[in-house]
N, C-alpha and C. Protein backbone atom coordinates (compact mmCIF):
# COMPACT_ATOMS: atom_id res chain seq x y z
N UNK A 1 51.06 28.77 -17.40
CA UNK A 1 52.28 27.36 -18.09
C UNK A 1 53.63 28.00 -18.16
N UNK A 2 54.28 27.38 -17.51
CA UNK A 2 55.94 27.91 -17.68
C UNK A 2 56.80 27.29 -19.22
N UNK A 3 57.58 27.76 -19.39
CA UNK A 3 58.03 27.01 -20.83
C UNK A 3 58.51 25.75 -20.64
N UNK A 4 59.03 25.14 -19.55
CA UNK A 4 59.05 23.97 -19.01
C UNK A 4 58.12 23.08 -19.18
N UNK A 5 56.52 23.54 -19.22
CA UNK A 5 55.36 22.35 -19.64
C UNK A 5 55.15 22.50 -20.27
N UNK A 6 56.22 22.69 -21.61
CA UNK A 6 55.36 22.76 -22.94
C UNK A 6 56.90 21.65 -23.43
N UNK A 7 56.80 21.17 -24.84
CA UNK A 7 57.75 20.46 -25.49
C UNK A 7 58.56 21.15 -26.58
N UNK A 8 59.37 20.79 -26.49
CA UNK A 8 60.27 21.61 -27.63
C UNK A 8 61.43 20.41 -28.11
N UNK A 9 61.23 20.68 -29.07
CA UNK A 9 62.17 20.24 -30.06
C UNK A 9 63.32 20.64 -31.00
N UNK A 10 64.10 19.83 -31.25
CA UNK A 10 65.26 20.89 -32.34
C UNK A 10 64.76 20.99 -33.48
N UNK A 11 65.28 22.64 -34.03
CA UNK A 11 64.49 23.17 -35.09
C UNK A 11 64.87 22.37 -36.48
N UNK A 12 64.36 22.14 -36.99
CA UNK A 12 64.54 21.68 -38.33
C UNK A 12 65.93 22.11 -39.14
N UNK A 13 66.62 21.36 -39.76
CA UNK A 13 67.69 21.47 -40.56
C UNK A 13 67.80 21.06 -41.66
N UNK A 14 68.35 22.03 -42.69
CA UNK A 14 68.08 22.28 -44.13
C UNK A 14 69.41 22.43 -44.09
N UNK A 15 70.03 21.70 -46.19
CA UNK A 15 71.12 21.97 -46.35
C UNK A 15 70.90 21.96 -47.80
N UNK A 16 71.77 22.63 -48.71
CA UNK A 16 71.12 21.85 -49.74
C UNK A 16 72.37 20.74 -50.37
N UNK A 17 72.67 20.24 -51.26
CA UNK A 17 73.10 19.11 -51.89
C UNK A 17 73.53 19.45 -53.27
N UNK A 18 74.88 19.26 -53.85
CA UNK A 18 75.25 19.69 -55.08
C UNK A 18 74.42 18.26 -55.87
N UNK A 19 74.52 18.87 -57.23
CA UNK A 19 73.70 17.63 -58.08
C UNK A 19 75.31 17.04 -58.66
N UNK A 20 75.69 16.17 -57.43
CA UNK A 20 76.95 15.47 -58.06
C UNK A 20 76.34 14.05 -56.75
N UNK A 21 76.53 12.74 -57.66
CA UNK A 21 76.40 11.44 -57.35
C UNK A 21 77.34 11.52 -55.54
N UNK A 22 78.54 12.20 -55.89
CA UNK A 22 79.88 11.90 -54.84
C UNK A 22 78.97 13.17 -53.69
N UNK A 23 77.94 13.80 -53.40
CA UNK A 23 77.57 14.26 -53.02
C UNK A 23 76.20 13.35 -51.51
N UNK A 24 76.17 12.40 -52.14
CA UNK A 24 74.62 11.40 -51.72
C UNK A 24 75.06 11.45 -50.44
N UNK A 25 76.49 10.76 -50.65
CA UNK A 25 77.19 9.81 -49.17
C UNK A 25 77.12 10.62 -48.20
N UNK A 26 77.74 11.88 -48.35
CA UNK A 26 78.22 12.70 -47.16
C UNK A 26 76.88 13.22 -46.53
N UNK A 27 75.63 13.55 -47.77
CA UNK A 27 74.77 14.07 -47.41
C UNK A 27 73.60 12.74 -46.25
N UNK A 28 73.63 11.44 -47.02
CA UNK A 28 73.06 10.50 -45.74
C UNK A 28 74.01 10.33 -44.65
N UNK A 29 74.83 10.91 -44.36
CA UNK A 29 75.60 10.55 -43.34
C UNK A 29 75.28 11.68 -42.48
N UNK A 30 74.93 12.85 -43.02
CA UNK A 30 74.93 13.75 -42.41
C UNK A 30 73.42 14.03 -41.30
N UNK A 31 73.09 13.16 -41.95
CA UNK A 31 71.02 13.00 -41.91
C UNK A 31 71.36 11.82 -40.27
N UNK A 32 72.17 11.26 -40.40
CA UNK A 32 72.27 9.74 -39.17
C UNK A 32 73.02 10.78 -38.17
N UNK A 33 73.92 11.86 -38.30
CA UNK A 33 74.45 12.77 -37.75
C UNK A 33 73.54 13.66 -36.53
N UNK A 34 72.74 14.09 -37.50
CA UNK A 34 72.09 14.83 -37.28
C UNK A 34 71.06 14.15 -36.05
N UNK A 35 70.19 13.03 -36.35
CA UNK A 35 69.20 12.26 -35.69
C UNK A 35 70.14 11.65 -34.56
N UNK A 36 71.48 11.44 -34.31
CA UNK A 36 72.31 11.08 -33.21
C UNK A 36 72.49 12.73 -32.24
N UNK A 37 72.79 13.50 -32.81
CA UNK A 37 72.45 14.59 -31.98
C UNK A 37 71.65 14.96 -31.33
N UNK A 38 69.98 14.69 -32.32
CA UNK A 38 68.86 15.35 -31.24
C UNK A 38 68.63 14.04 -30.55
N UNK A 39 69.34 12.76 -30.72
CA UNK A 39 69.01 11.79 -29.64
C UNK A 39 67.85 11.34 -29.58
N UNK A 40 67.66 10.85 -31.07
CA UNK A 40 66.35 10.53 -31.95
C UNK A 40 66.24 9.04 -31.37
N UNK A 41 65.60 8.90 -30.34
CA UNK A 41 65.14 7.23 -29.91
C UNK A 41 65.03 6.01 -30.92
N UNK A 42 65.92 6.38 -31.76
CA UNK A 42 66.21 4.73 -33.14
C UNK A 42 66.83 4.11 -32.87
N UNK A 43 66.97 2.66 -33.21
CA UNK A 43 68.13 1.48 -33.14
C UNK A 43 69.19 1.91 -34.25
N UNK A 44 70.40 1.28 -34.02
CA UNK A 44 71.45 1.40 -34.74
C UNK A 44 71.12 1.05 -36.49
N UNK A 45 70.50 -0.29 -36.14
CA UNK A 45 69.15 -0.80 -37.79
C UNK A 45 68.36 0.24 -37.63
N UNK A 46 67.41 0.57 -36.98
CA UNK A 46 66.66 1.70 -37.80
C UNK A 46 67.34 3.19 -38.76
N UNK A 47 68.54 3.50 -37.90
CA UNK A 47 69.22 4.42 -38.60
C UNK A 47 69.82 3.70 -39.37
N UNK A 48 69.81 2.50 -40.22
CA UNK A 48 70.86 2.42 -41.28
C UNK A 48 69.82 2.67 -42.29
N UNK A 49 68.06 2.09 -42.06
CA UNK A 49 67.11 1.87 -42.74
C UNK A 49 66.87 3.50 -43.16
N UNK A 50 66.74 4.16 -42.19
CA UNK A 50 67.00 6.17 -42.23
C UNK A 50 67.79 6.50 -43.35
N UNK A 51 69.33 5.87 -43.17
CA UNK A 51 70.30 6.52 -44.38
C UNK A 51 70.41 5.72 -45.84
N UNK A 52 69.43 4.93 -45.69
CA UNK A 52 69.28 3.64 -47.18
C UNK A 52 68.24 4.39 -47.89
N UNK A 53 66.69 4.97 -46.72
CA UNK A 53 65.97 5.62 -47.95
C UNK A 53 66.35 7.43 -48.00
N UNK A 54 67.36 7.27 -47.22
CA UNK A 54 67.34 9.01 -47.64
C UNK A 54 68.85 9.15 -48.82
N UNK A 55 69.44 8.27 -49.09
CA UNK A 55 70.18 8.06 -50.21
C UNK A 55 69.19 7.94 -51.44
N UNK A 56 68.03 6.85 -51.23
CA UNK A 56 67.61 6.95 -51.87
C UNK A 56 66.58 7.89 -53.27
N UNK A 57 66.24 8.53 -51.72
CA UNK A 57 65.70 10.19 -52.54
C UNK A 57 66.63 10.68 -52.93
N UNK A 58 67.83 10.78 -51.95
CA UNK A 58 68.86 12.05 -52.84
C UNK A 58 69.54 11.25 -54.23
N UNK A 59 69.72 9.92 -54.20
CA UNK A 59 69.71 9.85 -55.60
C UNK A 59 68.92 9.68 -56.81
N UNK A 60 67.45 9.75 -56.36
CA UNK A 60 67.31 10.20 -57.32
C UNK A 60 66.82 11.59 -57.70
N UNK A 61 66.45 12.38 -56.75
CA UNK A 61 66.69 13.81 -56.88
C UNK A 61 68.21 13.93 -57.86
N UNK A 62 69.45 14.09 -57.63
CA UNK A 62 70.35 14.00 -58.46
C UNK A 62 70.00 13.88 -59.89
N UNK A 63 70.07 11.94 -59.97
CA UNK A 63 70.03 11.45 -61.11
C UNK A 63 69.04 12.26 -62.06
N UNK A 64 67.68 12.81 -61.84
CA UNK A 64 66.84 12.70 -62.40
C UNK A 64 66.37 14.85 -62.77
N UNK A 65 67.40 15.46 -61.60
CA UNK A 65 67.39 16.30 -61.91
C UNK A 65 68.70 17.40 -62.48
N UNK A 66 69.99 16.69 -61.75
CA UNK A 66 71.03 17.71 -62.34
C UNK A 66 71.55 18.59 -61.80
N UNK A 67 70.39 19.07 -60.60
CA UNK A 67 70.01 20.16 -60.20
C UNK A 67 70.89 20.02 -58.57
N UNK A 68 70.93 20.88 -57.77
CA UNK A 68 70.78 20.76 -56.45
C UNK A 68 69.85 20.92 -55.65
N UNK A 69 69.58 20.35 -54.94
CA UNK A 69 68.30 19.60 -53.91
C UNK A 69 68.39 20.37 -52.47
N UNK A 70 67.07 20.48 -51.88
CA UNK A 70 67.47 20.47 -50.54
C UNK A 70 66.81 19.51 -50.07
N UNK A 71 67.30 19.34 -48.83
CA UNK A 71 67.32 18.50 -48.09
C UNK A 71 66.95 19.00 -46.71
N UNK A 72 65.82 18.32 -45.67
CA UNK A 72 65.47 18.90 -44.74
C UNK A 72 64.94 17.81 -43.33
N UNK A 73 65.77 17.81 -42.50
CA UNK A 73 65.50 16.82 -41.65
C UNK A 73 64.62 17.40 -39.87
N UNK A 74 63.68 17.00 -39.98
CA UNK A 74 62.60 16.99 -38.48
C UNK A 74 62.83 16.51 -37.63
N UNK A 75 62.73 16.33 -36.47
CA UNK A 75 61.81 15.66 -35.22
C UNK A 75 60.92 16.02 -34.95
N UNK A 76 60.05 15.36 -34.95
CA UNK A 76 58.64 15.78 -33.99
C UNK A 76 58.16 15.16 -32.92
N UNK A 77 59.11 14.71 -32.22
CA UNK A 77 58.54 13.88 -30.97
C UNK A 77 58.16 12.59 -31.04
N UNK A 78 57.84 11.92 -32.19
CA UNK A 78 57.47 10.45 -32.28
C UNK A 78 57.89 10.11 -33.94
N UNK A 79 58.19 11.08 -34.70
CA UNK A 79 58.82 10.29 -35.89
C UNK A 79 60.35 11.28 -36.43
N UNK A 80 61.16 10.51 -37.21
CA UNK A 80 61.95 11.43 -37.94
C UNK A 80 61.85 11.53 -39.53
N UNK A 81 61.41 12.75 -39.72
CA UNK A 81 61.18 13.38 -40.79
C UNK A 81 62.45 13.66 -41.90
N UNK A 82 62.46 13.14 -43.22
CA UNK A 82 63.27 13.32 -44.06
C UNK A 82 63.07 13.73 -45.53
N UNK A 83 63.40 15.25 -45.61
CA UNK A 83 62.33 15.54 -46.63
C UNK A 83 64.00 15.84 -47.77
N UNK A 84 63.22 15.93 -49.26
CA UNK A 84 64.13 16.58 -50.53
C UNK A 84 63.20 16.83 -51.09
N UNK A 85 63.90 18.12 -51.23
CA UNK A 85 63.07 19.19 -52.48
C UNK A 85 63.93 18.76 -53.71
N UNK A 86 63.61 18.99 -54.76
CA UNK A 86 63.83 18.65 -56.43
C UNK A 86 62.92 19.49 -57.10
N UNK A 87 63.69 20.23 -57.82
CA UNK A 87 63.31 21.15 -59.35
C UNK A 87 62.48 20.03 -60.54
N UNK A 88 62.14 19.02 -60.28
CA UNK A 88 61.22 17.83 -61.34
C UNK A 88 59.95 17.99 -60.80
N UNK A 89 59.52 18.37 -62.32
CA UNK A 89 57.80 18.22 -62.21
C UNK A 89 57.62 16.54 -62.37
N UNK A 90 59.08 15.24 -62.69
CA UNK A 90 58.19 14.01 -62.59
C UNK A 90 58.43 13.66 -61.00
N UNK A 91 56.98 12.71 -61.10
CA UNK A 91 56.24 12.26 -60.02
C UNK A 91 57.03 11.03 -59.39
N UNK A 92 56.95 11.02 -58.38
CA UNK A 92 57.92 9.59 -57.67
C UNK A 92 56.92 8.90 -58.09
N UNK A 93 57.38 7.64 -58.46
CA UNK A 93 56.59 6.75 -58.80
C UNK A 93 57.13 4.93 -58.28
N UNK A 94 57.23 4.38 -57.51
CA UNK A 94 57.71 3.18 -57.23
C UNK A 94 57.53 1.94 -58.55
N UNK A 95 56.41 2.51 -59.49
CA UNK A 95 56.32 1.34 -60.55
C UNK A 95 56.64 1.65 -61.71
N UNK A 96 57.74 2.45 -61.82
CA UNK A 96 58.00 3.31 -63.25
C UNK A 96 59.14 3.13 -63.54
N UNK A 97 60.38 1.76 -62.80
CA UNK A 97 61.81 2.12 -62.41
C UNK A 97 62.01 1.65 -64.25
N UNK A 98 62.61 2.34 -65.06
CA UNK A 98 63.17 2.60 -65.79
C UNK A 98 64.47 0.75 -66.13
N UNK A 99 64.91 0.90 -65.09
CA UNK A 99 66.23 -0.16 -65.46
C UNK A 99 65.80 -0.63 -63.78
N UNK A 100 65.64 -1.88 -63.58
CA UNK A 100 65.63 -2.86 -62.25
C UNK A 100 66.98 -3.50 -62.69
N UNK A 101 68.09 -3.29 -63.57
CA UNK A 101 69.25 -3.94 -63.35
C UNK A 101 70.25 -2.99 -62.38
N UNK A 102 70.02 -1.61 -63.06
CA UNK A 102 71.22 -0.94 -62.39
C UNK A 102 70.57 0.26 -61.07
N UNK A 103 68.85 0.23 -60.74
CA UNK A 103 68.47 0.88 -60.43
C UNK A 103 67.05 0.51 -60.35
N UNK A 104 66.39 1.79 -59.93
CA UNK A 104 64.98 1.55 -59.67
C UNK A 104 63.89 0.75 -58.77
N UNK A 105 64.79 0.54 -58.13
CA UNK A 105 64.37 -0.23 -56.26
C UNK A 105 64.14 0.90 -55.58
N UNK A 106 64.49 1.66 -55.43
CA UNK A 106 64.62 2.61 -54.11
C UNK A 106 62.75 2.74 -54.05
N UNK A 107 62.14 3.19 -54.58
CA UNK A 107 60.85 3.84 -54.10
C UNK A 107 60.13 2.62 -53.05
N UNK A 108 60.70 0.79 -53.64
CA UNK A 108 59.73 0.15 -52.93
C UNK A 108 60.64 -0.19 -51.58
N UNK A 109 61.88 0.30 -51.63
CA UNK A 109 62.24 0.14 -50.67
C UNK A 109 61.87 0.86 -49.06
N UNK A 110 61.82 2.50 -49.81
CA UNK A 110 61.50 3.59 -48.93
C UNK A 110 60.00 3.14 -48.21
N UNK A 111 58.95 2.48 -49.64
CA UNK A 111 58.02 2.58 -48.55
C UNK A 111 57.88 1.17 -47.65
N UNK A 112 58.99 -0.22 -47.73
CA UNK A 112 58.69 -1.43 -47.22
C UNK A 112 59.40 -0.38 -46.17
N UNK A 113 60.40 0.00 -45.86
CA UNK A 113 61.12 0.43 -45.02
C UNK A 113 61.18 1.49 -43.66
N UNK A 114 60.05 2.61 -44.49
CA UNK A 114 59.78 3.57 -43.60
C UNK A 114 57.99 3.60 -43.15
N UNK A 115 58.12 4.65 -42.01
CA UNK A 115 56.68 4.26 -41.14
C UNK A 115 55.96 4.74 -42.69
N UNK A 116 56.11 5.72 -43.34
CA UNK A 116 55.13 6.29 -44.41
C UNK A 116 55.88 7.04 -44.84
N UNK A 117 55.79 7.60 -46.20
CA UNK A 117 55.89 8.28 -47.14
C UNK A 117 55.45 8.97 -48.16
N UNK A 118 55.65 9.84 -49.19
CA UNK A 118 54.87 10.51 -49.95
C UNK A 118 55.79 11.87 -50.31
N UNK A 119 55.11 12.25 -51.34
CA UNK A 119 55.66 14.12 -51.95
C UNK A 119 54.31 14.90 -51.94
N UNK A 120 54.78 16.09 -51.96
CA UNK A 120 54.06 17.10 -52.29
C UNK A 120 54.56 18.28 -53.14
N UNK A 121 53.85 18.98 -54.33
CA UNK A 121 54.19 19.72 -54.90
C UNK A 121 54.61 21.26 -54.34
N UNK A 122 55.96 21.54 -54.44
CA UNK A 122 56.77 22.69 -54.32
C UNK A 122 57.64 23.49 -54.84
N UNK A 123 56.69 24.73 -55.18
CA UNK A 123 57.00 25.79 -56.01
C UNK A 123 57.47 25.19 -57.90
N UNK A 124 58.88 25.11 -58.40
CA UNK A 124 58.77 24.85 -59.68
C UNK A 124 58.80 23.22 -59.44
N UNK A 125 59.14 22.02 -58.56
CA UNK A 125 59.27 21.03 -58.53
C UNK A 125 58.25 20.67 -57.40
N UNK A 126 59.16 19.19 -56.30
CA UNK A 126 58.01 18.92 -55.32
C UNK A 126 59.27 18.72 -54.21
N UNK A 127 58.97 17.89 -53.06
CA UNK A 127 59.29 17.78 -52.38
C UNK A 127 58.81 16.23 -51.86
N UNK A 128 60.12 15.25 -51.60
CA UNK A 128 59.40 13.87 -51.31
C UNK A 128 60.27 13.80 -50.24
N UNK A 129 59.22 12.86 -49.38
CA UNK A 129 59.60 12.89 -48.06
C UNK A 129 59.28 11.36 -47.23
N UNK A 130 59.63 10.69 -46.45
CA UNK A 130 59.62 9.84 -45.69
C UNK A 130 59.62 9.98 -43.85
N UNK A 131 58.96 9.19 -43.57
CA UNK A 131 59.32 8.95 -41.54
C UNK A 131 59.55 7.88 -41.28
N UNK A 132 60.30 7.87 -40.39
CA UNK A 132 60.44 6.39 -39.74
C UNK A 132 59.96 7.12 -37.93
N UNK A 133 59.08 6.03 -37.52
CA UNK A 133 58.67 5.93 -36.24
C UNK A 133 59.84 5.87 -35.21
N UNK A 134 59.84 6.17 -33.86
CA UNK A 134 60.50 6.00 -32.92
C UNK A 134 60.32 4.41 -32.57
N UNK A 135 59.37 3.92 -32.61
CA UNK A 135 59.48 2.76 -32.46
C UNK A 135 59.02 1.64 -33.27
N UNK A 136 59.32 2.01 -34.45
CA UNK A 136 59.30 0.87 -35.66
C UNK A 136 60.54 0.75 -35.95
N UNK A 137 60.80 -0.79 -35.62
CA UNK A 137 61.80 -1.36 -36.49
C UNK A 137 61.77 -2.61 -37.33
N UNK A 138 62.47 -2.49 -38.49
CA UNK A 138 62.29 -3.68 -39.25
C UNK A 138 63.74 -4.51 -39.19
N UNK A 139 63.14 -5.71 -38.98
CA UNK A 139 64.21 -6.33 -38.33
C UNK A 139 64.53 -7.36 -39.40
N UNK A 140 65.72 -8.52 -39.49
CA UNK A 140 65.33 -9.70 -39.86
C UNK A 140 64.88 -10.15 -40.94
N UNK A 141 64.14 -11.23 -40.33
CA UNK A 141 63.17 -11.64 -42.02
C UNK A 141 62.36 -10.86 -42.71
N UNK A 142 61.74 -10.26 -41.69
CA UNK A 142 60.76 -8.87 -41.55
C UNK A 142 61.79 -7.92 -42.65
N UNK A 143 63.12 -7.64 -42.53
CA UNK A 143 63.50 -6.68 -43.55
C UNK A 143 63.97 -7.80 -44.95
N UNK A 144 64.75 -8.61 -44.84
CA UNK A 144 64.83 -8.97 -46.03
C UNK A 144 63.79 -9.48 -46.96
N UNK A 145 62.50 -9.76 -46.26
CA UNK A 145 60.83 -9.54 -47.13
C UNK A 145 61.11 -8.56 -47.90
N UNK A 146 61.16 -7.12 -46.89
CA UNK A 146 61.27 -5.73 -48.22
C UNK A 146 62.09 -5.75 -48.77
N UNK A 147 63.38 -6.50 -48.82
CA UNK A 147 64.32 -5.79 -49.74
C UNK A 147 63.54 -7.06 -51.00
N UNK A 148 63.61 -8.11 -50.74
CA UNK A 148 63.51 -9.23 -51.45
C UNK A 148 62.46 -8.56 -52.24
N UNK A 149 61.54 -8.25 -52.08
CA UNK A 149 59.89 -7.63 -52.53
C UNK A 149 59.96 -6.58 -53.55
N UNK A 150 60.62 -5.76 -52.60
CA UNK A 150 61.74 -4.95 -53.63
C UNK A 150 61.75 -5.02 -54.93
N UNK A 151 62.66 -5.46 -55.05
CA UNK A 151 63.44 -6.00 -55.86
C UNK A 151 62.44 -7.21 -56.68
N UNK A 152 62.07 -8.07 -56.44
CA UNK A 152 60.64 -8.71 -56.93
C UNK A 152 59.53 -8.02 -57.96
N UNK A 153 58.83 -6.75 -56.89
CA UNK A 153 58.24 -6.23 -57.70
C UNK A 153 58.39 -5.44 -59.01
N UNK A 154 59.76 -4.90 -58.59
CA UNK A 154 60.63 -4.12 -60.16
C UNK A 154 60.99 -5.38 -60.81
N UNK A 155 60.80 -6.05 -61.40
CA UNK A 155 61.15 -7.18 -61.82
C UNK A 155 59.89 -7.67 -62.52
N UNK A 156 58.91 -7.34 -61.90
CA UNK A 156 57.39 -7.75 -62.46
C UNK A 156 57.09 -7.39 -63.42
N UNK A 157 57.25 -5.75 -62.36
CA UNK A 157 56.58 -4.48 -63.19
C UNK A 157 57.57 -4.61 -64.68
N UNK A 158 58.78 -4.98 -64.56
CA UNK A 158 59.23 -4.78 -66.24
C UNK A 158 59.01 -5.74 -66.98
N UNK A 159 58.62 -7.04 -66.51
CA UNK A 159 58.16 -7.63 -67.39
C UNK A 159 57.33 -7.60 -67.62
N UNK A 160 55.66 -6.92 -67.28
CA UNK A 160 54.48 -6.81 -67.48
C UNK A 160 54.71 -5.86 -68.43
N UNK A 161 55.63 -5.24 -68.62
CA UNK A 161 55.75 -3.61 -69.59
C UNK A 161 56.62 -4.13 -70.51
N UNK A 162 57.26 -5.34 -70.72
CA UNK A 162 57.70 -5.45 -71.89
C UNK A 162 57.02 -6.72 -72.82
N UNK A 163 55.85 -7.11 -71.30
CA UNK A 163 55.05 -8.38 -72.48
C UNK A 163 54.27 -7.28 -73.64
């Protein structure tokens, strides 16, 4: 078997993000730039969803840890995977948002827009990740339903918790 007979994928790209809300935007854009450089077969709309999901994970890491987090982007040949490693032991829970007015809908959005998502323990913290499949595109009314559903889920959870 020659090297040309095996699939090769880009080496995962990893970098640190400073614990500053101003660092979230550039990190989100870098993820999209990496996906485009690798020619990941995702539509512009799917890349916007990747950017939104990445921004949510990054914002959570910055807000809850006030410490540098690490971002890793991988292309498996089938899915784009974004991982955010932080030092918080607080587990991600889309139902436990403290403030639905100013935030708290992020993980619901990630759950609705990503092909899959999850977390795993890592050292003194955790890694939260999501994956978007190359053939997955949530568009139009379906995308709107995800966005509205995420907002409604958080409002219902908040009302139930206060009752």
